[in-house]
C-alpha cells in the first residue's frame, strides 16, 4: 500500500488512478490547491524554506528494452542515451550523471538515489 488509509494522499491517488492518462493526471494535479496548502504546512514545520520559485527538479534513468532513457519532466519527451544492459546500467547512468556535474562544477544542489531490488 502506497498511502496511509484515509489520508489526503490516499484520496488523491484514488481519484487520479481512475483518470488513466498521465498528462491529464498531471494537469489535474497542478490545480489541487488543497494539496499545495497541505504541502506548505508540512514544509513550514521542518527545516526547509517554502518557495514558489523552483530552480531544481528530478530526473530518472530507466533501462527500456536495452536503451538507457532519461525521463525529465522539464523536457517534452524522453531522452535516449544509447544502449545499456542490466549489468552495465549503473555504470552507464553514472557516466551521464558525471557529465551533468562537470557542466556546472560549482553547483552543490545535487543528489542521487538508486531504487533497486534487495539482493538479501
N, C-alpha and C. Protein backbone atom coordinates (compact mmCIF):
# COMPACT_ATOMS: atom_id res chain seq x y z
N UNK A 1 0.85 -1.18 0.00
CA UNK A 1 0.00 0.00 0.00
C UNK A 1 0.89 1.23 0.00
N UNK A 2 0.61 2.17 -0.90
CA UNK A 2 1.45 3.35 -1.07
C UNK A 2 1.10 4.48 -0.11
N UNK A 3 -0.14 4.57 0.34
CA UNK A 3 -0.57 5.70 1.16
C UNK A 3 -1.28 5.21 2.41
N UNK A 4 -1.23 6.05 3.43
CA UNK A 4 -1.96 5.76 4.66
C UNK A 4 -3.45 5.89 4.37
N UNK A 5 -4.23 4.89 4.78
CA UNK A 5 -5.66 4.88 4.54
C UNK A 5 -6.31 6.16 5.08
N UNK A 6 -7.22 6.72 4.33
CA UNK A 6 -7.97 7.93 4.68
C UNK A 6 -7.11 9.19 4.75
N UNK A 7 -5.90 9.15 4.22
CA UNK A 7 -5.05 10.35 4.19
C UNK A 7 -5.38 11.16 2.94
N UNK A 8 -4.90 12.40 2.91
CA UNK A 8 -5.13 13.24 1.73
C UNK A 8 -4.45 12.62 0.50
N UNK A 9 -3.28 12.00 0.71
CA UNK A 9 -2.60 11.35 -0.42
C UNK A 9 -3.42 10.18 -0.96
N UNK A 10 -3.99 9.39 -0.07
CA UNK A 10 -4.81 8.25 -0.50
C UNK A 10 -6.03 8.74 -1.29
N UNK A 11 -6.62 9.83 -0.84
CA UNK A 11 -7.77 10.40 -1.55
C UNK A 11 -7.40 10.80 -2.97
N UNK A 12 -6.29 11.51 -3.13
CA UNK A 12 -5.88 11.95 -4.46
C UNK A 12 -5.43 10.79 -5.33
N UNK A 13 -4.72 9.83 -4.75
CA UNK A 13 -4.31 8.65 -5.53
C UNK A 13 -5.53 7.92 -6.07
N UNK A 14 -6.54 7.75 -5.23
CA UNK A 14 -7.76 7.08 -5.67
C UNK A 14 -8.47 7.85 -6.77
N UNK A 15 -8.51 9.15 -6.62
CA UNK A 15 -9.19 9.99 -7.62
C UNK A 15 -8.45 9.96 -8.95
N UNK A 16 -7.15 10.10 -8.96
CA UNK A 16 -6.41 10.20 -10.20
C UNK A 16 -6.15 8.86 -10.86
N UNK A 17 -6.13 7.80 -10.10
CA UNK A 17 -5.92 6.47 -10.67
C UNK A 17 -7.01 6.18 -11.70
N UNK A 18 -8.19 6.71 -11.49
CA UNK A 18 -9.32 6.48 -12.39
C UNK A 18 -9.17 7.22 -13.72
N UNK A 19 -8.40 8.31 -13.71
CA UNK A 19 -8.24 9.12 -14.92
C UNK A 19 -7.49 8.35 -16.00
N UNK A 20 -6.40 7.69 -15.63
CA UNK A 20 -5.67 6.84 -16.57
C UNK A 20 -4.60 7.54 -17.38
N UNK A 21 -4.90 8.65 -18.02
CA UNK A 21 -3.95 9.35 -18.88
C UNK A 21 -2.98 10.17 -18.02
N UNK A 22 -1.66 9.88 -18.08
CA UNK A 22 -0.70 10.58 -17.23
C UNK A 22 -0.68 12.10 -17.44
N UNK A 23 -0.86 12.56 -18.67
CA UNK A 23 -0.86 14.00 -18.93
C UNK A 23 -2.08 14.65 -18.26
N UNK A 24 -3.23 14.02 -18.38
CA UNK A 24 -4.44 14.55 -17.75
C UNK A 24 -4.30 14.54 -16.23
N UNK A 25 -3.68 13.49 -15.70
CA UNK A 25 -3.47 13.40 -14.26
C UNK A 25 -2.58 14.56 -13.80
N UNK A 26 -1.50 14.79 -14.54
CA UNK A 26 -0.59 15.89 -14.19
C UNK A 26 -1.27 17.24 -14.21
N UNK A 27 -2.07 17.49 -15.24
CA UNK A 27 -2.78 18.77 -15.33
C UNK A 27 -3.79 18.93 -14.19
N UNK A 28 -4.51 17.87 -13.89
CA UNK A 28 -5.49 17.93 -12.80
C UNK A 28 -4.78 18.14 -11.46
N UNK A 29 -3.68 17.45 -11.27
CA UNK A 29 -2.93 17.52 -10.02
C UNK A 29 -2.40 18.94 -9.78
N UNK A 30 -2.00 19.64 -10.84
CA UNK A 30 -1.49 21.01 -10.70
C UNK A 30 -2.54 21.96 -10.12
N UNK A 31 -3.80 21.67 -10.35
CA UNK A 31 -4.86 22.55 -9.87
C UNK A 31 -5.32 22.28 -8.44
N UNK A 32 -4.70 21.36 -7.76
CA UNK A 32 -5.13 20.97 -6.42
C UNK A 32 -4.59 21.93 -5.36
N UNK A 33 -5.34 22.99 -5.09
CA UNK A 33 -4.89 24.00 -4.13
C UNK A 33 -4.83 23.44 -2.70
N UNK A 34 -5.72 22.52 -2.35
CA UNK A 34 -5.70 21.95 -1.01
C UNK A 34 -4.41 21.17 -0.78
N UNK A 35 -3.98 20.42 -1.77
CA UNK A 35 -2.75 19.65 -1.64
C UNK A 35 -1.55 20.59 -1.53
N UNK A 36 -1.54 21.67 -2.31
CA UNK A 36 -0.46 22.65 -2.22
C UNK A 36 -0.39 23.25 -0.82
N UNK A 37 -1.54 23.57 -0.27
CA UNK A 37 -1.60 24.16 1.08
C UNK A 37 -1.11 23.17 2.12
N UNK A 38 -1.52 21.92 2.02
CA UNK A 38 -1.04 20.89 2.96
C UNK A 38 0.47 20.73 2.86
N UNK A 39 1.00 20.80 1.64
CA UNK A 39 2.44 20.70 1.45
C UNK A 39 3.15 21.87 2.13
N UNK A 40 2.65 23.09 1.95
CA UNK A 40 3.26 24.26 2.58
C UNK A 40 3.24 24.13 4.10
N UNK A 41 2.13 23.63 4.64
CA UNK A 41 2.03 23.44 6.09
C UNK A 41 3.07 22.44 6.57
N UNK A 42 3.21 21.35 5.86
CA UNK A 42 4.16 20.31 6.26
C UNK A 42 5.60 20.82 6.18
N UNK A 43 5.91 21.55 5.13
CA UNK A 43 7.27 22.07 4.97
C UNK A 43 7.58 23.11 6.03
N UNK A 44 6.59 23.91 6.41
CA UNK A 44 6.85 25.01 7.35
C UNK A 44 7.22 24.52 8.74
N UNK A 45 6.88 23.29 9.10
CA UNK A 45 7.26 22.78 10.42
C UNK A 45 8.64 22.15 10.40
N UNK A 46 9.22 21.99 9.23
CA UNK A 46 10.55 21.39 9.10
C UNK A 46 11.62 22.46 8.96
N UNK A 47 12.73 22.08 8.38
CA UNK A 47 13.86 22.99 8.23
C UNK A 47 13.92 23.63 6.85
N UNK A 48 13.01 23.26 5.96
CA UNK A 48 13.03 23.78 4.59
C UNK A 48 12.30 25.10 4.48
N UNK A 49 12.74 25.93 3.56
CA UNK A 49 12.04 27.17 3.27
C UNK A 49 11.00 26.90 2.19
N UNK A 50 9.82 27.50 2.33
CA UNK A 50 8.78 27.38 1.33
C UNK A 50 9.01 28.44 0.27
N UNK A 51 9.06 28.02 -0.98
CA UNK A 51 9.28 28.94 -2.08
C UNK A 51 8.41 28.55 -3.25
N UNK A 52 7.80 29.53 -3.88
CA UNK A 52 7.00 29.28 -5.08
C UNK A 52 7.91 29.11 -6.29
N UNK A 53 9.14 29.61 -6.21
CA UNK A 53 10.06 29.55 -7.33
C UNK A 53 10.91 28.28 -7.23
N UNK A 54 10.81 27.44 -8.23
CA UNK A 54 11.54 26.17 -8.22
C UNK A 54 12.68 26.26 -9.22
N UNK A 55 13.89 26.01 -8.75
CA UNK A 55 15.06 26.07 -9.62
C UNK A 55 15.64 24.68 -9.87
N UNK A 56 15.15 23.68 -9.15
CA UNK A 56 15.68 22.33 -9.29
C UNK A 56 14.55 21.38 -9.63
N UNK A 57 14.91 20.20 -10.08
CA UNK A 57 13.90 19.19 -10.39
C UNK A 57 14.54 17.81 -10.36
N UNK A 58 13.74 16.82 -10.56
CA UNK A 58 14.21 15.44 -10.53
C UNK A 58 14.20 14.85 -11.94
N UNK A 59 15.15 13.98 -12.18
CA UNK A 59 15.14 13.19 -13.40
C UNK A 59 15.29 11.73 -13.00
N UNK A 60 14.98 10.84 -13.90
CA UNK A 60 15.14 9.41 -13.64
C UNK A 60 15.73 8.76 -14.88
N UNK A 61 16.49 7.71 -14.66
CA UNK A 61 17.02 6.91 -15.75
C UNK A 61 16.40 5.53 -15.68
N UNK A 62 16.03 5.00 -16.84
CA UNK A 62 15.47 3.65 -16.91
C UNK A 62 16.12 2.87 -18.04
N UNK A 63 16.08 1.57 -17.90
CA UNK A 63 16.51 0.68 -18.98
C UNK A 63 15.23 0.21 -19.66
N UNK A 64 14.97 0.74 -20.84
CA UNK A 64 13.78 0.37 -21.60
C UNK A 64 14.21 -0.42 -22.82
N UNK A 65 14.00 -1.73 -22.74
CA UNK A 65 14.33 -2.62 -23.85
C UNK A 65 15.77 -2.46 -24.33
N UNK A 66 16.71 -2.35 -23.37
CA UNK A 66 18.12 -2.26 -23.72
C UNK A 66 18.59 -0.87 -24.08
N UNK A 67 17.74 0.13 -23.91
CA UNK A 67 18.11 1.52 -24.18
C UNK A 67 18.10 2.30 -22.87
N UNK A 68 19.15 3.09 -22.64
CA UNK A 68 19.22 3.94 -21.46
C UNK A 68 18.43 5.21 -21.76
N UNK A 69 17.36 5.41 -21.01
CA UNK A 69 16.44 6.52 -21.26
C UNK A 69 16.42 7.45 -20.05
N UNK A 70 16.53 8.75 -20.32
CA UNK A 70 16.41 9.77 -19.28
C UNK A 70 14.99 10.31 -19.31
N UNK A 71 14.34 10.31 -18.17
CA UNK A 71 13.00 10.89 -18.03
C UNK A 71 13.14 12.19 -17.24
N UNK A 72 12.80 13.27 -17.88
CA UNK A 72 12.94 14.60 -17.30
C UNK A 72 11.62 15.34 -17.51
N UNK A 73 10.94 15.63 -16.43
CA UNK A 73 9.65 16.31 -16.52
C UNK A 73 9.72 17.68 -17.16
N UNK A 74 10.92 18.26 -17.23
CA UNK A 74 11.09 19.56 -17.86
C UNK A 74 11.27 19.48 -19.37
N UNK A 75 11.36 18.27 -19.89
CA UNK A 75 11.56 18.07 -21.33
C UNK A 75 10.26 17.56 -21.96
N UNK A 76 10.12 17.76 -23.24
CA UNK A 76 8.88 17.36 -23.91
C UNK A 76 8.79 15.87 -24.21
N UNK A 77 9.92 15.16 -24.13
CA UNK A 77 9.90 13.72 -24.41
C UNK A 77 11.10 13.06 -23.74
N UNK A 78 11.07 11.73 -23.62
CA UNK A 78 12.22 11.01 -23.05
C UNK A 78 13.47 11.23 -23.89
N UNK A 79 14.64 11.16 -23.24
CA UNK A 79 15.91 11.40 -23.92
C UNK A 79 16.70 10.10 -23.97
N UNK A 80 16.94 9.57 -25.17
CA UNK A 80 17.72 8.32 -25.28
C UNK A 80 19.22 8.61 -25.13
N UNK A 81 19.92 7.73 -24.42
CA UNK A 81 21.36 7.89 -24.21
C UNK A 81 22.15 6.70 -24.74
N UNK A 82 21.54 5.84 -25.53
CA UNK A 82 22.25 4.71 -26.11
C UNK A 82 21.94 3.39 -25.42
N UNK A 83 22.69 2.39 -25.81
CA UNK A 83 22.44 1.04 -25.32
C UNK A 83 22.92 0.86 -23.89
N UNK A 84 22.24 -0.06 -23.18
CA UNK A 84 22.63 -0.44 -21.83
C UNK A 84 22.15 -1.86 -21.58
N UNK A 85 22.63 -2.45 -20.50
CA UNK A 85 22.18 -3.78 -20.09
C UNK A 85 21.94 -3.73 -18.58
N UNK A 86 21.37 -4.79 -18.04
CA UNK A 86 21.21 -4.85 -16.59
C UNK A 86 22.56 -4.77 -15.90
N UNK A 87 23.55 -5.39 -16.50
CA UNK A 87 24.89 -5.42 -15.91
C UNK A 87 25.59 -4.07 -15.97
N UNK A 88 25.36 -3.29 -17.03
CA UNK A 88 26.08 -2.02 -17.21
C UNK A 88 25.24 -0.78 -16.89
N UNK A 89 23.98 -0.99 -16.52
CA UNK A 89 23.06 0.15 -16.32
C UNK A 89 23.61 1.18 -15.34
N UNK A 90 24.06 0.75 -14.18
CA UNK A 90 24.54 1.70 -13.17
C UNK A 90 25.76 2.45 -13.68
N UNK A 91 26.71 1.75 -14.27
CA UNK A 91 27.91 2.40 -14.81
C UNK A 91 27.54 3.37 -15.92
N UNK A 92 26.65 2.97 -16.81
CA UNK A 92 26.23 3.84 -17.92
C UNK A 92 25.55 5.10 -17.39
N UNK A 93 24.71 4.92 -16.39
CA UNK A 93 24.00 6.06 -15.79
C UNK A 93 24.96 7.00 -15.09
N UNK A 94 25.94 6.44 -14.40
CA UNK A 94 26.92 7.27 -13.70
C UNK A 94 27.75 8.12 -14.65
N UNK A 95 28.03 7.61 -15.84
CA UNK A 95 28.77 8.40 -16.84
C UNK A 95 27.98 9.65 -17.22
N UNK A 96 26.68 9.48 -17.41
CA UNK A 96 25.83 10.62 -17.78
C UNK A 96 25.73 11.59 -16.61
N UNK A 97 25.55 11.04 -15.41
CA UNK A 97 25.44 11.87 -14.22
C UNK A 97 26.72 12.68 -14.01
N UNK A 98 27.86 12.05 -14.21
CA UNK A 98 29.14 12.74 -14.06
C UNK A 98 29.25 13.90 -15.06
N UNK A 99 28.79 13.67 -16.29
CA UNK A 99 28.80 14.74 -17.30
C UNK A 99 27.92 15.91 -16.87
N UNK A 100 26.76 15.62 -16.25
CA UNK A 100 25.90 16.69 -15.74
C UNK A 100 26.65 17.51 -14.70
N UNK A 101 27.34 16.83 -13.79
CA UNK A 101 28.05 17.52 -12.72
C UNK A 101 29.22 18.33 -13.25
N UNK A 102 29.87 17.84 -14.29
CA UNK A 102 31.01 18.56 -14.87
C UNK A 102 30.58 19.84 -15.60
N UNK A 103 29.33 19.88 -16.05
CA UNK A 103 28.82 21.09 -16.72
C UNK A 103 28.81 22.29 -15.79
N UNK A 104 28.55 22.04 -14.50
CA UNK A 104 28.46 23.12 -13.52
C UNK A 104 29.11 22.65 -12.22
N UNK A 105 30.45 22.65 -12.17
CA UNK A 105 31.15 22.08 -11.02
C UNK A 105 30.93 22.84 -9.71
N UNK A 106 30.44 24.08 -9.77
CA UNK A 106 30.19 24.85 -8.55
C UNK A 106 28.80 24.60 -7.97
N UNK A 107 27.96 23.87 -8.70
CA UNK A 107 26.60 23.57 -8.22
C UNK A 107 26.67 22.47 -7.17
N UNK A 108 26.18 22.77 -5.97
CA UNK A 108 26.22 21.80 -4.87
C UNK A 108 24.88 21.12 -4.64
N UNK A 109 23.82 21.63 -5.25
CA UNK A 109 22.49 21.05 -5.04
C UNK A 109 22.30 19.88 -5.99
N UNK A 110 22.88 18.77 -5.61
CA UNK A 110 22.84 17.59 -6.46
C UNK A 110 22.83 16.37 -5.57
N UNK A 111 21.98 15.43 -5.88
CA UNK A 111 21.98 14.16 -5.13
C UNK A 111 21.50 13.05 -6.05
N UNK A 112 21.78 11.83 -5.64
CA UNK A 112 21.34 10.67 -6.41
C UNK A 112 20.66 9.68 -5.48
N UNK A 113 19.81 8.89 -6.06
CA UNK A 113 19.09 7.85 -5.33
C UNK A 113 18.92 6.67 -6.26
N UNK A 114 19.24 5.51 -5.79
CA UNK A 114 19.07 4.30 -6.59
C UNK A 114 17.93 3.48 -6.00
N UNK A 115 16.97 3.13 -6.82
CA UNK A 115 15.88 2.25 -6.42
C UNK A 115 16.13 0.90 -7.08
N UNK A 116 16.41 -0.08 -6.27
CA UNK A 116 16.78 -1.39 -6.82
C UNK A 116 16.27 -2.48 -5.88
N UNK A 117 16.04 -3.66 -6.42
CA UNK A 117 15.60 -4.77 -5.55
C UNK A 117 16.71 -5.17 -4.60
N UNK A 118 16.32 -5.66 -3.45
CA UNK A 118 17.26 -6.14 -2.47
C UNK A 118 17.84 -7.48 -2.93
N UNK A 119 19.12 -7.66 -2.71
CA UNK A 119 19.74 -8.93 -3.07
C UNK A 119 19.87 -9.85 -1.85
N UNK A 120 19.38 -9.38 -0.72
CA UNK A 120 19.49 -10.17 0.52
C UNK A 120 18.30 -11.11 0.65
